[in-house]
Each structure stands twice: as structure tokens, then as C-alpha cells.
Amino acid sequence: MRRRTSSVALVFWLASVLSLQPAQAGRKEPEPEKKTLEFIVIVHPKNQINDIPMYALRAIFLKQKQNWPDGTPIIVINFKARSRPRAAFDYLVSRMLPDEVAAYWVDRRIRGKGSPPRSLNSSRLIQRIVARHPGVISYVPADELTETVKILKVDGQAPGTGRYPLRREKNQ
């Protein structure tokens, strides 16, 4: 009797599993939405540069390059340290994580080679400053570009193209 009960239970269990199978087979888990994170490098509208190589961009944001080709001093404006835009931009440009960037600037100060770039937390304010002051360079997330500033290509690639180096796909 016990065997028959377990056989009947097994048959019912199997029937219920098999009846669910077709409904589950066609159902897919929703994939996380992918969002493109892209930064636009911006300069004063009268800046003569139209395209900047990634190595030069890295040197500028690490303050290893101090002047534009025409001799104008470069003024770098960054987002606040450890902010999301700053961490993502630093990684895309210098391949450094926030702790590595912080250590880099501590080392530069100790060696007397300068301090980090000025930093702000507002894309709108950054763009206003860039639009008003020659020599300034900064970046903003692509979806926050609003002011009249000059947009630079990076390594010959314009923002919004698939090979633009300051973009990456991220799951949300």
C-alpha cells in the first residue's frame, strides 16, 4: 500500500511539473536594461583643439601637461572626488580606481609636483565656467550637456559613435 501511495504521488508530481514546463519554457527572465555611460570632453569655444588623443587627455587630467599648444595654461576642472561621474571618468581615462587616484595626488603633493585639479559637483556650473574662461577643460555626462561649449573628439572619434573611447555600456 505504501508503494502504491508513493507511486501515485510521484505520478501527480510528474504531471504537475510537466504541465508547467511549456509555460516556463517560453518565458524568459527580463534582461537588465543597458545604459550607455558617455562623457563629453569640453573646452572653451575659442580653443583651437578639435581632437585630443587619449594619452594627452590622460596627461592633462593628471596635470602632467600644463599648456595648450598655443601656450595658454590648461585649467582642469573635475567632478568632486569619489562622485560617480568622477570615478567613471577617471577609470576610462587613466584606468585608475578612486583609491589609486587619491594615492596619485598624495604622492604628487609630497613630491612637490602639484595638487589635484579644481573640482565641482554641478555639470551646469562646470559648463558655464568652461564657456567663459579660455584654457579650461572638463567633461560632463553626455545627457547633461547644455551650455555653449566646444566638444572635443577623442582619438578621432566623436561622442555618440560606437568607437568613442569615453563610453561604456553598463547594466542598470
Protein backbone atom coordinates (compact mmCIF):
# COMPACT_ATOMS: atom_id res chain seq x y z
CA MET A 1 0.00 0.00 0.00
CA ARG A 2 2.80 2.30 0.83
CA ARG A 3 4.43 1.69 -2.55
CA ARG A 4 1.24 2.44 -4.38
CA THR A 5 0.77 5.73 -2.49
CA SER A 6 4.28 6.88 -3.32
CA SER A 7 3.82 5.84 -6.96
CA VAL A 8 0.58 7.81 -7.19
CA ALA A 9 2.24 10.83 -5.54
CA LEU A 10 5.12 10.55 -7.97
CA VAL A 11 2.74 10.43 -10.95
CA PHE A 12 0.86 13.52 -9.73
CA TRP A 13 4.10 15.38 -9.08
CA LEU A 14 5.45 14.46 -12.51
CA ALA A 15 2.19 15.51 -14.18
CA SER A 16 2.24 18.86 -12.43
CA VAL A 17 5.87 19.51 -13.37
CA LEU A 18 5.27 18.54 -16.98
CA SER A 19 2.18 20.72 -17.21
CA LEU A 20 4.20 23.71 -16.02
CA GLN A 21 7.10 23.04 -18.37
CA PRO A 22 5.65 24.55 -21.59
CA ALA A 23 4.58 27.75 -19.86
CA GLN A 24 8.00 28.22 -18.31
CA ALA A 25 9.89 27.24 -21.45
CA GLY A 26 8.58 30.23 -23.41
CA ARG A 27 9.08 32.64 -20.55
CA LYS A 28 12.41 34.44 -20.34
CA GLU A 29 13.83 36.35 -17.43
CA PRO A 30 13.86 40.05 -18.23
CA GLU A 31 17.33 41.22 -19.11
CA PRO A 32 18.66 44.18 -17.19
CA GLU A 33 18.36 47.42 -19.14
CA LYS A 34 21.69 48.51 -20.55
CA LYS A 35 22.53 52.16 -20.26
CA THR A 36 25.33 53.83 -22.12
CA LEU A 37 27.53 55.96 -19.93
CA GLU A 38 29.32 58.54 -22.05
CA PHE A 39 31.38 61.60 -21.17
CA ILE A 40 31.82 64.62 -23.41
CA VAL A 41 35.16 66.44 -23.18
CA ILE A 42 34.51 70.18 -23.33
CA VAL A 43 36.69 73.27 -23.79
CA HIS A 44 36.19 76.99 -24.35
CA PRO A 45 34.59 77.71 -27.75
CA LYS A 46 37.71 79.57 -28.98
CA ASN A 47 40.11 76.73 -28.13
CA GLN A 48 42.00 75.70 -31.30
CA ILE A 49 41.92 71.99 -30.45
CA ASN A 50 39.24 69.87 -32.13
CA ASP A 51 40.52 66.38 -31.40
CA ILE A 52 42.58 65.13 -28.48
CA PRO A 53 44.44 61.84 -28.21
CA MET A 54 43.60 59.75 -25.16
CA TYR A 55 47.22 59.87 -23.95
CA ALA A 56 47.11 63.70 -23.98
CA LEU A 57 43.77 63.73 -22.18
CA ARG A 58 45.24 61.46 -19.52
CA ALA A 59 48.30 63.71 -19.16
CA ILE A 60 46.09 66.80 -18.84
CA PHE A 61 43.80 65.34 -16.16
CA LEU A 62 46.81 64.03 -14.23
CA LYS A 63 48.33 67.53 -14.59
CA GLN A 64 51.40 66.22 -16.37
CA LYS A 65 50.69 68.52 -19.33
CA GLN A 66 50.36 72.18 -18.30
CA ASN A 67 49.84 74.22 -21.50
CA TRP A 68 47.83 74.11 -24.70
CA PRO A 69 49.86 74.11 -27.95
CA ASP A 70 49.41 77.92 -28.22
CA GLY A 71 50.96 78.37 -24.75
CA THR A 72 47.71 79.07 -22.87
CA PRO A 73 47.81 77.48 -19.42
CA ILE A 74 45.49 74.48 -19.08
CA ILE A 75 42.96 74.75 -16.26
CA VAL A 76 41.38 71.40 -15.42
CA ILE A 77 38.01 71.14 -13.74
CA ASN A 78 36.96 67.77 -12.41
CA PHE A 79 33.91 66.48 -10.61
CA LYS A 80 34.25 66.06 -6.85
CA ALA A 81 36.41 63.13 -5.76
CA ARG A 82 34.53 59.87 -5.28
CA SER A 83 31.45 61.12 -7.14
CA ARG A 84 30.04 58.68 -9.72
CA PRO A 85 30.96 60.81 -12.76
CA ARG A 86 34.48 61.34 -11.44
CA ALA A 87 35.11 57.68 -10.64
CA ALA A 88 33.85 56.56 -14.06
CA PHE A 89 35.78 59.24 -15.98
CA ASP A 90 39.00 58.59 -14.05
CA TYR A 91 38.74 54.91 -14.85
CA LEU A 92 38.00 55.45 -18.55
CA VAL A 93 40.88 57.93 -18.95
CA SER A 94 43.56 56.76 -16.53
CA ARG A 95 42.43 53.20 -15.71
CA MET A 96 42.67 54.06 -12.00
CA LEU A 97 40.14 53.40 -9.27
CA PRO A 98 39.25 56.17 -6.77
CA ASP A 99 41.75 54.95 -4.15
CA GLU A 100 44.52 54.84 -6.77
CA VAL A 101 43.69 58.37 -7.93
CA ALA A 102 43.76 59.60 -4.33
CA ALA A 103 47.16 57.95 -3.79
CA TYR A 104 48.45 59.52 -7.02
CA TRP A 105 47.57 63.02 -5.78
CA VAL A 106 49.02 62.41 -2.32
CA ASP A 107 52.27 61.31 -3.97
CA ARG A 108 52.29 64.40 -6.25
CA ARG A 109 51.82 66.71 -3.27
CA ILE A 110 54.55 65.01 -1.23
CA ARG A 111 56.97 65.30 -4.15
CA GLY A 112 56.09 68.97 -4.66
CA LYS A 113 54.65 68.32 -8.14
CA GLY A 114 51.32 69.99 -7.62
CA SER A 115 47.84 69.46 -6.34
CA PRO A 116 44.75 67.91 -7.94
CA PRO A 117 42.56 69.86 -10.36
CA ARG A 118 39.80 72.07 -9.09
CA SER A 119 36.56 70.18 -8.62
CA LEU A 120 32.85 70.95 -8.71
CA ASN A 121 29.72 68.88 -8.34
CA SER A 122 27.47 70.50 -10.93
CA SER A 123 27.56 69.82 -14.67
CA ARG A 124 25.77 73.08 -15.33
CA LEU A 125 28.30 75.12 -13.35
CA ILE A 126 31.24 73.32 -14.97
CA GLN A 127 29.86 74.16 -18.42
CA ARG A 128 29.33 77.82 -17.53
CA ILE A 129 32.92 78.12 -16.34
CA VAL A 130 34.29 76.36 -19.43
CA ALA A 131 32.22 78.64 -21.70
CA ARG A 132 33.60 81.78 -20.02
CA HIS A 133 37.28 81.01 -19.45
CA PRO A 134 39.81 80.16 -22.18
CA GLY A 135 42.18 77.38 -21.26
CA VAL A 136 39.66 75.41 -19.21
CA ILE A 137 38.98 71.76 -19.99
CA SER A 138 36.47 69.49 -18.34
CA TYR A 139 33.92 66.79 -19.08
CA VAL A 140 30.23 66.19 -18.50
CA PRO A 141 27.96 63.18 -18.84
CA ALA A 142 26.51 63.24 -22.35
CA ASP A 143 22.95 63.51 -21.11
CA GLU A 144 23.82 66.67 -19.13
CA LEU A 145 25.38 68.72 -21.96
CA THR A 146 23.52 72.04 -22.06
CA GLU A 147 25.74 75.10 -22.46
CA THR A 148 27.56 76.61 -25.41
CA VAL A 149 30.91 74.90 -25.14
CA LYS A 150 33.16 73.25 -27.66
CA ILE A 151 33.04 69.46 -27.79
CA LEU A 152 36.29 67.62 -28.49
CA LYS A 153 36.69 64.40 -30.39
CA VAL A 154 38.84 61.84 -28.58
CA ASP A 155 41.24 59.75 -30.67
CA GLY A 156 39.42 60.97 -33.78
CA GLN A 157 36.05 59.69 -32.57
CA ALA A 158 33.06 61.95 -31.96
CA PRO A 159 30.78 61.39 -28.98
CA GLY A 160 27.82 59.18 -29.77
CA THR A 161 29.74 56.86 -32.08
CA GLY A 162 30.35 53.22 -31.26
CA ARG A 163 34.13 53.60 -31.07
CA TYR A 164 34.16 56.72 -28.89
CA PRO A 165 36.59 55.83 -26.07
CA LEU A 166 34.79 57.65 -23.26
CA ARG A 167 31.72 55.46 -23.35
CA ARG A 168 30.81 52.13 -21.92
CA GLU A 169 27.75 50.01 -21.54
CA LYS A 170 26.62 49.38 -18.03
CA ASN A 171 23.76 47.32 -16.68
CA GLN A 172 21.23 49.19 -14.64
